[in-house]
Amino acid sequence: MKAILEFNLPDEDEEFRLAQDGGKYLAAINDFRTYMRTQEKYCELSDDEAVGLNSARDAFYEILKDYDIR
């Protein structure tokens, strides 16, 4: 199976760049996920910091879920 994406440049330049950089966006999301996990697992956080990190992590995963990103 093949999939071909076509863009009318320069009119659809922004859409083209988003499609072209999809792997970079995925890598950035994964790096941020790893950062949050590392902070939670290996750093000594105060109770307030842990609550804030957990809240941010929950919101992060909810946003990914809303966009059907796994």
C-alpha atoms as a PDB file:
ATOM      1  CA  MET A   1       0.000   0.000   0.000  1.00  0.00           C
ATOM      2  CA  LYS A   2       1.199   3.509  -0.791  1.00  0.00           C
ATOM      3  CA  ALA A   3       0.024   6.877   0.406  1.00  0.00           C
ATOM      4  CA  ILE A   4       0.903  10.042  -1.450  1.00  0.00           C
ATOM      5  CA  LEU A   5       0.421  13.496   0.018  1.00  0.00           C
ATOM      6  CA  GLU A   6       0.175  16.386  -2.410  1.00  0.00           C
ATOM      7  CA  PHE A   7       0.448  20.062  -1.605  1.00  0.00           C
ATOM      8  CA  ASN A   8      -0.078  23.145  -3.747  1.00  0.00           C
ATOM      9  CA  LEU A   9       3.007  25.189  -2.975  1.00  0.00           C
ATOM     10  CA  PRO A  10       3.443  27.934  -1.966  1.00  0.00           C
ATOM     11  CA  ASP A  11      -0.243  28.196  -0.965  1.00  0.00           C
ATOM     12  CA  GLU A  12      -0.088  25.139   1.298  1.00  0.00           C
ATOM     13  CA  ASP A  13       3.442  25.670   2.562  1.00  0.00           C
ATOM     14  CA  GLU A  14       2.394  25.554   6.237  1.00  0.00           C
ATOM     15  CA  GLU A  15       0.534  22.268   5.765  1.00  0.00           C
ATOM     16  CA  PHE A  16       3.513  20.859   3.888  1.00  0.00           C
ATOM     17  CA  ARG A  17       5.906  21.792   6.690  1.00  0.00           C
ATOM     18  CA  LEU A  18       3.617  20.233   9.301  1.00  0.00           C
ATOM     19  CA  ALA A  19       3.500  16.978   7.330  1.00  0.00           C
ATOM     20  CA  GLN A  20       7.235  17.076   6.682  1.00  0.00           C
ATOM     21  CA  ASP A  21       8.103  17.667  10.343  1.00  0.00           C
ATOM     22  CA  GLY A  22       5.703  15.101  11.855  1.00  0.00           C
ATOM     23  CA  GLY A  23       8.585  12.924  13.029  1.00  0.00           C
ATOM     24  CA  LYS A  24      10.138  15.884  14.821  1.00  0.00           C
ATOM     25  CA  TYR A  25       6.866  16.609  16.614  1.00  0.00           C
ATOM     26  CA  LEU A  26       6.628  12.977  17.696  1.00  0.00           C
ATOM     27  CA  ALA A  27      10.224  13.036  18.959  1.00  0.00           C
ATOM     28  CA  ALA A  28       9.573  16.243  20.926  1.00  0.00           C
ATOM     29  CA  ILE A  29       6.439  14.765  22.514  1.00  0.00           C
ATOM     30  CA  ASN A  30       8.346  11.617  23.462  1.00  0.00           C
ATOM     31  CA  ASP A  31      11.245  13.635  24.895  1.00  0.00           C
ATOM     32  CA  PHE A  32       8.837  15.645  27.039  1.00  0.00           C
ATOM     33  CA  ARG A  33       7.102  12.465  28.221  1.00  0.00           C
ATOM     34  CA  THR A  34      10.493  11.011  29.166  1.00  0.00           C
ATOM     35  CA  TYR A  35      11.461  14.237  30.936  1.00  0.00           C
ATOM     36  CA  MET A  36       8.307  14.157  33.085  1.00  0.00           C
ATOM     37  CA  ARG A  37       8.852  10.482  33.931  1.00  0.00           C
ATOM     38  CA  THR A  38      12.487  11.130  34.862  1.00  0.00           C
ATOM     39  CA  GLN A  39      11.517  14.048  37.090  1.00  0.00           C
ATOM     40  CA  GLU A  40       8.903  11.957  38.863  1.00  0.00           C
ATOM     41  CA  LYS A  41      11.025   8.831  39.229  1.00  0.00           C
ATOM     42  CA  TYR A  42      14.537  10.094  39.920  1.00  0.00           C
ATOM     43  CA  CYS A  43      14.284  13.627  41.304  1.00  0.00           C
ATOM     44  CA  GLU A  44      13.478  14.477  44.881  1.00  0.00           C
ATOM     45  CA  LEU A  45      10.420  16.664  44.483  1.00  0.00           C
ATOM     46  CA  SER A  46       8.608  18.540  47.205  1.00  0.00           C
ATOM     47  CA  ASP A  47       4.984  17.575  47.739  1.00  0.00           C
ATOM     48  CA  ASP A  48       3.842  20.678  45.859  1.00  0.00           C
ATOM     49  CA  GLU A  49       6.207  19.940  42.961  1.00  0.00           C
ATOM     50  CA  ALA A  50       4.979  16.340  42.779  1.00  0.00           C
ATOM     51  CA  VAL A  51       1.356  17.479  42.726  1.00  0.00           C
ATOM     52  CA  GLY A  52       2.129  20.016  39.998  1.00  0.00           C
ATOM     53  CA  LEU A  53       4.031  17.470  37.929  1.00  0.00           C
ATOM     54  CA  ASN A  54       1.245  14.904  38.272  1.00  0.00           C
ATOM     55  CA  SER A  55      -1.333  17.493  37.257  1.00  0.00           C
ATOM     56  CA  ALA A  56       0.742  18.528  34.219  1.00  0.00           C
ATOM     57  CA  ARG A  57       1.330  14.882  33.258  1.00  0.00           C
ATOM     58  CA  ASP A  58      -2.377  14.066  33.515  1.00  0.00           C
ATOM     59  CA  ALA A  59      -3.260  17.084  31.363  1.00  0.00           C
ATOM     60  CA  PHE A  60      -0.536  16.157  28.851  1.00  0.00           C
ATOM     61  CA  TYR A  61      -1.873  12.623  28.429  1.00  0.00           C
ATOM     62  CA  GLU A  62      -5.469  13.859  28.250  1.00  0.00           C
ATOM     63  CA  ILE A  63      -4.530  16.241  25.427  1.00  0.00           C
ATOM     64  CA  LEU A  64      -2.756  13.428  23.571  1.00  0.00           C
ATOM     65  CA  LYS A  65      -5.851  11.244  24.051  1.00  0.00           C
ATOM     66  CA  ASP A  66      -8.115  14.023  22.748  1.00  0.00           C
ATOM     67  CA  TYR A  67      -6.056  14.120  19.545  1.00  0.00           C
ATOM     68  CA  ASP A  68      -5.920  10.313  19.351  1.00  0.00           C
ATOM     69  CA  ILE A  69      -2.128  10.318  19.713  1.00  0.00           C
ATOM     70  CA  ARG A  70      -0.705   7.161  21.242  1.00  0.00           C
END
